[in-house]
Amino acid sequence: MPNIIVLSAFYAIGIGILLLFGEINYRRLKVKGEITRKFAHFSSTLAVVPFPYLFASHWYVLILALLFFMVLFFSRRGKQLKSIHDIERKSVGSYLLPLSIYITFLISFLLENKFVYILPMLILAICDPMAAILGINFTNGKSKIKILGHKLNKTWLGSGGFLVTSFIISIIALYFYREVVDLKSFWLALVVASVSTLAELISWRGSDNLTIPLSVVLILVLFL
């Protein structure tokens, strides 16, 4: 028990340092809020990938998730952590991230399958920021995706980057999980990549922080 409490405190402090690092870059180096926000998303989500190997109970993850939800909520109200909150678009993504981590962990815990947590978190940590950065920095308004004449706030390059990286991550992760690369690994990775890309595409105001991992969980539960 004492070791788990120390580990939880270590994670809380570590993620706090990551947020502080992003805040320093935002205030001192004038890095754009979108970039510091995505760095925080990438680093903090990647940091929680080992959770199934560290915490034997979902209650510790719930406490950590609640802690950082409150930090994000009250910092927004107090106009702190501008490296996270200073974006032009409206988004609830920062609030949904702790919830997403906990729900995915809880499902994995109940199913007694660590992989159901690890792969969704890897895709959320890596593919989502990559898609956003590609979409923001290397495209223009003409490259926005249109569906039935409606222009989405997504780009072909961003969604394409998400699809490719999600497929690569899924293939590699499935190899370590199943210890073989066969036809099932290939089509399962393709389905995971396609569904998670669709979830990212149709989500709005940051809800992809929740829909991406849950869509991957759904596919793994159905087909793994």
C-alpha atoms as a PDB file:
ATOM      1  CA  MET A   1       0.000   0.000   0.000  1.00  0.00           C
ATOM      2  CA  PRO A   2       2.666   2.626   0.899  1.00  0.00           C
ATOM      3  CA  ASN A   3       4.506   1.859  -2.361  1.00  0.00           C
ATOM      4  CA  ILE A   4       1.332   2.445  -4.389  1.00  0.00           C
ATOM      5  CA  ILE A   5       0.719   5.749  -2.644  1.00  0.00           C
ATOM      6  CA  VAL A   6       4.302   6.837  -3.340  1.00  0.00           C
ATOM      7  CA  LEU A   7       3.938   5.754  -6.976  1.00  0.00           C
ATOM      8  CA  SER A   8       0.688   7.714  -7.310  1.00  0.00           C
ATOM      9  CA  ALA A   9       2.356  10.779  -5.816  1.00  0.00           C
ATOM     10  CA  PHE A  10       5.278  10.327  -8.205  1.00  0.00           C
ATOM     11  CA  TYR A  11       2.918  10.309 -11.171  1.00  0.00           C
ATOM     12  CA  ALA A  12       1.052  13.348  -9.910  1.00  0.00           C
ATOM     13  CA  ILE A  13       4.294  15.274  -9.475  1.00  0.00           C
ATOM     14  CA  GLY A  14       5.693  14.066 -12.808  1.00  0.00           C
ATOM     15  CA  ILE A  15       2.657  15.135 -14.812  1.00  0.00           C
ATOM     16  CA  GLY A  16       2.646  18.406 -12.896  1.00  0.00           C
ATOM     17  CA  ILE A  17       6.240  18.980 -14.043  1.00  0.00           C
ATOM     18  CA  LEU A  18       5.215  18.280 -17.640  1.00  0.00           C
ATOM     19  CA  LEU A  19       2.470  20.889 -17.370  1.00  0.00           C
ATOM     20  CA  LEU A  20       4.931  23.350 -15.849  1.00  0.00           C
ATOM     21  CA  PHE A  21       7.385  22.698 -18.682  1.00  0.00           C
ATOM     22  CA  GLY A  22       4.692  23.500 -21.237  1.00  0.00           C
ATOM     23  CA  GLU A  23       3.723  26.642 -19.325  1.00  0.00           C
ATOM     24  CA  ILE A  24       7.343  27.864 -19.343  1.00  0.00           C
ATOM     25  CA  ASN A  25       7.607  27.278 -23.091  1.00  0.00           C
ATOM     26  CA  TYR A  26       4.344  29.164 -23.601  1.00  0.00           C
ATOM     27  CA  ARG A  27       5.265  32.170 -21.458  1.00  0.00           C
ATOM     28  CA  ARG A  28       9.014  32.479 -22.032  1.00  0.00           C
ATOM     29  CA  LEU A  29       9.534  31.098 -25.545  1.00  0.00           C
ATOM     30  CA  LYS A  30       6.132  32.246 -26.861  1.00  0.00           C
ATOM     31  CA  VAL A  31       5.255  28.808 -28.212  1.00  0.00           C
ATOM     32  CA  LYS A  32       1.678  28.737 -29.522  1.00  0.00           C
ATOM     33  CA  GLY A  33      -0.988  27.390 -27.211  1.00  0.00           C
ATOM     34  CA  GLU A  34      -2.018  24.737 -29.732  1.00  0.00           C
ATOM     35  CA  ILE A  35       1.536  23.334 -29.744  1.00  0.00           C
ATOM     36  CA  THR A  36       2.050  23.367 -25.963  1.00  0.00           C
ATOM     37  CA  ARG A  37      -1.401  21.839 -25.525  1.00  0.00           C
ATOM     38  CA  LYS A  38      -0.567  18.981 -27.903  1.00  0.00           C
ATOM     39  CA  PHE A  39       2.806  18.443 -26.202  1.00  0.00           C
ATOM     40  CA  ALA A  40       1.020  18.137 -22.856  1.00  0.00           C
ATOM     41  CA  HIS A  41      -1.490  15.743 -24.424  1.00  0.00           C
ATOM     42  CA  PHE A  42       1.251  13.594 -25.949  1.00  0.00           C
ATOM     43  CA  SER A  43       3.556  13.455 -22.918  1.00  0.00           C
ATOM     44  CA  SER A  44       0.895  12.977 -20.236  1.00  0.00           C
ATOM     45  CA  THR A  45      -1.051  10.324 -22.175  1.00  0.00           C
ATOM     46  CA  LEU A  46       2.117   8.444 -23.085  1.00  0.00           C
ATOM     47  CA  ALA A  47       3.177   8.572 -19.431  1.00  0.00           C
ATOM     48  CA  VAL A  48       0.041   6.733 -18.294  1.00  0.00           C
ATOM     49  CA  VAL A  49       0.403   3.832 -20.754  1.00  0.00           C
ATOM     50  CA  PRO A  50       2.146   1.614 -18.121  1.00  0.00           C
ATOM     51  CA  PHE A  51      -0.742   2.022 -15.631  1.00  0.00           C
ATOM     52  CA  PRO A  52      -1.969  -1.606 -15.920  1.00  0.00           C
ATOM     53  CA  TYR A  53       1.469  -2.831 -14.833  1.00  0.00           C
ATOM     54  CA  LEU A  54       1.689  -0.393 -11.935  1.00  0.00           C
ATOM     55  CA  PHE A  55      -1.778  -0.238 -10.367  1.00  0.00           C
ATOM     56  CA  ALA A  56      -3.650  -3.337  -9.287  1.00  0.00           C
ATOM     57  CA  SER A  57      -6.820  -1.358  -8.591  1.00  0.00           C
ATOM     58  CA  HIS A  58      -8.731   1.147 -10.680  1.00  0.00           C
ATOM     59  CA  TRP A  59      -9.346   3.329  -7.610  1.00  0.00           C
ATOM     60  CA  TYR A  60      -5.832   4.788  -7.747  1.00  0.00           C
ATOM     61  CA  VAL A  61      -6.343   5.737 -11.380  1.00  0.00           C
ATOM     62  CA  LEU A  62      -9.694   7.301 -10.501  1.00  0.00           C
ATOM     63  CA  ILE A  63      -8.073   9.451  -7.801  1.00  0.00           C
ATOM     64  CA  LEU A  64      -5.349  10.624 -10.192  1.00  0.00           C
ATOM     65  CA  ALA A  65      -7.934  11.348 -12.897  1.00  0.00           C
ATOM     66  CA  LEU A  66     -10.072  13.367 -10.501  1.00  0.00           C
ATOM     67  CA  LEU A  67      -7.033  15.266  -9.264  1.00  0.00           C
ATOM     68  CA  PHE A  68      -6.006  16.403 -12.730  1.00  0.00           C
ATOM     69  CA  PHE A  69      -9.555  17.111 -13.780  1.00  0.00           C
ATOM     70  CA  MET A  70      -9.818  19.532 -10.854  1.00  0.00           C
ATOM     71  CA  VAL A  71      -6.438  21.090 -11.729  1.00  0.00           C
ATOM     72  CA  LEU A  72      -7.594  21.687 -15.307  1.00  0.00           C
ATOM     73  CA  PHE A  73     -11.039  22.905 -14.267  1.00  0.00           C
ATOM     74  CA  PHE A  74      -9.916  25.413 -11.669  1.00  0.00           C
ATOM     75  CA  SER A  75      -6.930  26.601 -13.719  1.00  0.00           C
ATOM     76  CA  ARG A  76      -9.368  27.433 -16.521  1.00  0.00           C
ATOM     77  CA  ARG A  77     -11.572  29.384 -14.134  1.00  0.00           C
ATOM     78  CA  GLY A  78      -8.546  31.176 -12.667  1.00  0.00           C
ATOM     79  CA  LYS A  79      -7.004  31.781 -16.091  1.00  0.00           C
ATOM     80  CA  GLN A  80      -3.930  29.713 -15.257  1.00  0.00           C
ATOM     81  CA  LEU A  81      -2.201  27.087 -17.414  1.00  0.00           C
ATOM     82  CA  LYS A  82      -2.623  29.139 -20.562  1.00  0.00           C
ATOM     83  CA  SER A  83      -0.370  26.646 -22.325  1.00  0.00           C
ATOM     84  CA  ILE A  84      -3.371  24.299 -22.144  1.00  0.00           C
ATOM     85  CA  HIS A  85      -6.321  26.660 -22.350  1.00  0.00           C
ATOM     86  CA  ASP A  86      -5.143  29.376 -24.770  1.00  0.00           C
ATOM     87  CA  ILE A  87      -6.682  28.123 -28.002  1.00  0.00           C
ATOM     88  CA  GLU A  88      -9.017  29.891 -30.404  1.00  0.00           C
ATOM     89  CA  ARG A  89     -11.491  27.036 -30.766  1.00  0.00           C
ATOM     90  CA  LYS A  90     -13.897  25.840 -28.114  1.00  0.00           C
ATOM     91  CA  SER A  91     -12.845  22.504 -26.674  1.00  0.00           C
ATOM     92  CA  VAL A  92     -13.640  20.227 -23.748  1.00  0.00           C
ATOM     93  CA  GLY A  93     -10.826  17.868 -24.671  1.00  0.00           C
ATOM     94  CA  SER A  94      -8.627  18.681 -21.688  1.00  0.00           C
ATOM     95  CA  TYR A  95     -11.475  17.795 -19.311  1.00  0.00           C
ATOM     96  CA  LEU A  96     -12.321  14.591 -21.175  1.00  0.00           C
ATOM     97  CA  LEU A  97      -8.752  13.268 -21.179  1.00  0.00           C
ATOM     98  CA  PRO A  98      -8.657  12.236 -17.473  1.00  0.00           C
ATOM     99  CA  LEU A  99     -12.134  10.718 -17.865  1.00  0.00           C
ATOM    100  CA  SER A 100     -11.029   8.843 -20.968  1.00  0.00           C
ATOM    101  CA  ILE A 101      -7.961   7.415 -19.236  1.00  0.00           C
ATOM    102  CA  TYR A 102      -9.994   6.193 -16.284  1.00  0.00           C
ATOM    103  CA  ILE A 103     -12.854   4.670 -18.299  1.00  0.00           C
ATOM    104  CA  THR A 104     -10.444   2.831 -20.604  1.00  0.00           C
ATOM    105  CA  PHE A 105      -8.453   1.580 -17.625  1.00  0.00           C
ATOM    106  CA  LEU A 106     -11.640   0.450 -15.861  1.00  0.00           C
ATOM    107  CA  ILE A 107     -12.804  -1.557 -18.893  1.00  0.00           C
ATOM    108  CA  SER A 108      -9.357  -3.132 -19.205  1.00  0.00           C
ATOM    109  CA  PHE A 109      -9.355  -3.901 -15.471  1.00  0.00           C
ATOM    110  CA  LEU A 110     -12.795  -5.544 -15.586  1.00  0.00           C
ATOM    111  CA  LEU A 111     -11.861  -7.587 -18.659  1.00  0.00           C
ATOM    112  CA  GLU A 112      -8.484  -8.485 -17.109  1.00  0.00           C
ATOM    113  CA  ASN A 113      -6.778  -7.568 -20.366  1.00  0.00           C
ATOM    114  CA  LYS A 114      -4.038  -4.926 -20.220  1.00  0.00           C
ATOM    115  CA  PHE A 115      -3.867  -4.675 -24.009  1.00  0.00           C
ATOM    116  CA  VAL A 116      -7.414  -3.235 -24.128  1.00  0.00           C
ATOM    117  CA  TYR A 117      -6.004  -0.213 -22.296  1.00  0.00           C
ATOM    118  CA  ILE A 118      -2.519   0.026 -23.781  1.00  0.00           C
ATOM    119  CA  LEU A 119      -3.345   0.186 -27.507  1.00  0.00           C
ATOM    120  CA  PRO A 120      -6.094   2.849 -27.195  1.00  0.00           C
ATOM    121  CA  MET A 121      -3.799   5.013 -25.060  1.00  0.00           C
ATOM    122  CA  LEU A 122      -0.911   4.682 -27.525  1.00  0.00           C
ATOM    123  CA  ILE A 123      -3.157   5.721 -30.414  1.00  0.00           C
ATOM    124  CA  LEU A 124      -4.605   8.617 -28.423  1.00  0.00           C
ATOM    125  CA  ALA A 125      -1.155   9.774 -27.273  1.00  0.00           C
ATOM    126  CA  ILE A 126       0.600   9.656 -30.640  1.00  0.00           C
ATOM    127  CA  CYS A 127      -1.894   9.791 -33.498  1.00  0.00           C
ATOM    128  CA  ASP A 128      -4.187  12.547 -32.245  1.00  0.00           C
ATOM    129  CA  PRO A 129      -1.432  15.166 -31.691  1.00  0.00           C
ATOM    130  CA  MET A 130       0.223  14.202 -34.979  1.00  0.00           C
ATOM    131  CA  ALA A 131      -3.027  14.702 -36.903  1.00  0.00           C
ATOM    132  CA  ALA A 132      -3.582  18.073 -35.226  1.00  0.00           C
ATOM    133  CA  ILE A 133      -0.067  19.360 -35.862  1.00  0.00           C
ATOM    134  CA  LEU A 134      -0.117  18.253 -39.503  1.00  0.00           C
ATOM    135  CA  GLY A 135      -3.522  19.845 -39.979  1.00  0.00           C
ATOM    136  CA  ILE A 136      -2.505  23.127 -38.355  1.00  0.00           C
ATOM    137  CA  ASN A 137       0.942  23.671 -39.848  1.00  0.00           C
ATOM    138  CA  PHE A 138       0.985  22.103 -43.295  1.00  0.00           C
ATOM    139  CA  THR A 139      -2.426  22.717 -44.802  1.00  0.00           C
ATOM    140  CA  ASN A 140      -4.791  25.528 -45.667  1.00  0.00           C
ATOM    141  CA  GLY A 141      -8.510  26.053 -45.853  1.00  0.00           C
ATOM    142  CA  LYS A 142      -8.787  24.360 -49.248  1.00  0.00           C
ATOM    143  CA  SER A 143      -7.596  21.039 -47.799  1.00  0.00           C
ATOM    144  CA  LYS A 144     -10.469  20.755 -45.303  1.00  0.00           C
ATOM    145  CA  ILE A 145     -12.504  17.573 -45.570  1.00  0.00           C
ATOM    146  CA  LYS A 146     -16.030  17.970 -46.927  1.00  0.00           C
ATOM    147  CA  ILE A 147     -18.862  15.509 -46.292  1.00  0.00           C
ATOM    148  CA  LEU A 148     -22.130  16.074 -48.158  1.00  0.00           C
ATOM    149  CA  GLY A 149     -21.097  19.658 -48.830  1.00  0.00           C
ATOM    150  CA  HIS A 150     -20.329  20.345 -45.173  1.00  0.00           C
ATOM    151  CA  LYS A 151     -16.745  21.400 -44.470  1.00  0.00           C
ATOM    152  CA  LEU A 152     -15.315  19.775 -41.352  1.00  0.00           C
ATOM    153  CA  ASN A 153     -12.618  21.277 -39.181  1.00  0.00           C
ATOM    154  CA  LYS A 154     -10.345  18.406 -40.257  1.00  0.00           C
ATOM    155  CA  THR A 155      -7.818  18.112 -43.073  1.00  0.00           C
ATOM    156  CA  TRP A 156      -6.936  15.319 -45.476  1.00  0.00           C
ATOM    157  CA  LEU A 157      -3.311  15.417 -44.381  1.00  0.00           C
ATOM    158  CA  GLY A 158      -4.163  15.302 -40.689  1.00  0.00           C
ATOM    159  CA  SER A 159      -6.646  12.446 -41.015  1.00  0.00           C
ATOM    160  CA  GLY A 160      -4.327  10.596 -43.387  1.00  0.00           C
ATOM    161  CA  GLY A 161      -1.484  10.933 -40.909  1.00  0.00           C
ATOM    162  CA  PHE A 162      -3.751   9.649 -38.155  1.00  0.00           C
ATOM    163  CA  LEU A 163      -4.777   6.627 -40.242  1.00  0.00           C
ATOM    164  CA  VAL A 164      -1.225   5.636 -41.182  1.00  0.00           C
ATOM    165  CA  THR A 165       0.300   6.066 -37.725  1.00  0.00           C
ATOM    166  CA  SER A 166      -2.637   4.302 -36.089  1.00  0.00           C
ATOM    167  CA  PHE A 167      -2.188   1.338 -38.435  1.00  0.00           C
ATOM    168  CA  ILE A 168       1.563   1.142 -37.786  1.00  0.00           C
ATOM    169  CA  ILE A 169       1.124   1.363 -34.010  1.00  0.00           C
ATOM    170  CA  SER A 170      -1.612  -1.286 -34.102  1.00  0.00           C
ATOM    171  CA  ILE A 171       0.483  -3.724 -36.168  1.00  0.00           C
ATOM    172  CA  ILE A 172       3.467  -3.360 -33.834  1.00  0.00           C
ATOM    173  CA  ALA A 173       1.328  -3.615 -30.685  1.00  0.00           C
ATOM    174  CA  LEU A 174      -0.542  -6.662 -32.004  1.00  0.00           C
ATOM    175  CA  TYR A 175       2.753  -8.358 -32.796  1.00  0.00           C
ATOM    176  CA  PHE A 176       3.922  -7.987 -29.189  1.00  0.00           C
ATOM    177  CA  TYR A 177       0.514  -9.082 -27.904  1.00  0.00           C
ATOM    178  CA  ARG A 178      -0.107 -12.059 -30.217  1.00  0.00           C
ATOM    179  CA  GLU A 179       3.585 -12.798 -30.957  1.00  0.00           C
ATOM    180  CA  VAL A 180       2.782 -13.251 -34.623  1.00  0.00           C
ATOM    181  CA  VAL A 181       2.003 -11.112 -37.661  1.00  0.00           C
ATOM    182  CA  ASP A 182      -0.645 -12.834 -39.745  1.00  0.00           C
ATOM    183  CA  LEU A 183      -3.745 -11.969 -41.725  1.00  0.00           C
ATOM    184  CA  LYS A 184      -5.760 -11.415 -38.541  1.00  0.00           C
ATOM    185  CA  SER A 185      -3.191  -8.938 -37.231  1.00  0.00           C
ATOM    186  CA  PHE A 186      -3.270  -7.081 -40.541  1.00  0.00           C
ATOM    187  CA  TRP A 187      -7.037  -6.746 -40.875  1.00  0.00           C
ATOM    188  CA  LEU A 188      -7.516  -6.054 -37.176  1.00  0.00           C
ATOM    189  CA  ALA A 189      -4.923  -3.266 -37.306  1.00  0.00           C
ATOM    190  CA  LEU A 190      -6.642  -1.893 -40.405  1.00  0.00           C
ATOM    191  CA  VAL A 191     -10.055  -1.930 -38.704  1.00  0.00           C
ATOM    192  CA  VAL A 192      -8.647  -0.273 -35.561  1.00  0.00           C
ATOM    193  CA  ALA A 193      -6.957   2.403 -37.666  1.00  0.00           C
ATOM    194  CA  SER A 194     -10.057   3.034 -39.791  1.00  0.00           C
ATOM    195  CA  VAL A 195     -12.522   3.193 -36.911  1.00  0.00           C
ATOM    196  CA  SER A 196     -10.299   5.388 -34.721  1.00  0.00           C
ATOM    197  CA  THR A 197      -9.683   7.720 -37.673  1.00  0.00           C
ATOM    198  CA  LEU A 198     -13.433   7.962 -38.249  1.00  0.00           C
ATOM    199  CA  ALA A 199     -13.953   8.662 -34.539  1.00  0.00           C
ATOM    200  CA  GLU A 200     -11.404  11.472 -34.728  1.00  0.00           C
ATOM    201  CA  LEU A 201     -12.944  12.795 -37.926  1.00  0.00           C
ATOM    202  CA  ILE A 202     -16.522  13.125 -36.709  1.00  0.00           C
ATOM    203  CA  SER A 203     -15.719  14.286 -33.167  1.00  0.00           C
ATOM    204  CA  TRP A 204     -15.965  17.957 -32.271  1.00  0.00           C
ATOM    205  CA  ARG A 205     -14.797  20.309 -29.525  1.00  0.00           C
ATOM    206  CA  GLY A 206     -12.207  17.852 -28.266  1.00  0.00           C
ATOM    207  CA  SER A 207     -14.583  14.927 -27.759  1.00  0.00           C
ATOM    208  CA  ASP A 208     -12.116  12.766 -29.708  1.00  0.00           C
ATOM    209  CA  ASN A 209     -10.163  12.389 -26.459  1.00  0.00           C
ATOM    210  CA  LEU A 210     -13.012  10.115 -25.431  1.00  0.00           C
ATOM    211  CA  THR A 211     -14.295   8.709 -28.718  1.00  0.00           C
ATOM    212  CA  ILE A 212     -10.897   7.601 -30.050  1.00  0.00           C
ATOM    213  CA  PRO A 213      -9.912   5.257 -27.203  1.00  0.00           C
ATOM    214  CA  LEU A 214     -13.459   3.957 -26.731  1.00  0.00           C
ATOM    215  CA  SER A 215     -13.758   3.150 -30.447  1.00  0.00           C
ATOM    216  CA  VAL A 216     -10.510   1.175 -30.255  1.00  0.00           C
ATOM    217  CA  VAL A 217     -11.726  -0.603 -27.102  1.00  0.00           C
ATOM    218  CA  LEU A 218     -14.921  -1.575 -28.927  1.00  0.00           C
ATOM    219  CA  ILE A 219     -13.023  -3.127 -31.840  1.00  0.00           C
ATOM    220  CA  LEU A 220     -10.656  -5.025 -29.540  1.00  0.00           C
ATOM    221  CA  VAL A 221     -13.511  -6.382 -27.449  1.00  0.00           C
ATOM    222  CA  LEU A 222     -15.422  -7.498 -30.535  1.00  0.00           C
ATOM    223  CA  PHE A 223     -12.615  -9.022 -32.593  1.00  0.00           C
ATOM    224  CA  LEU A 224      -9.515  -9.677 -30.503  1.00  0.00           C
END
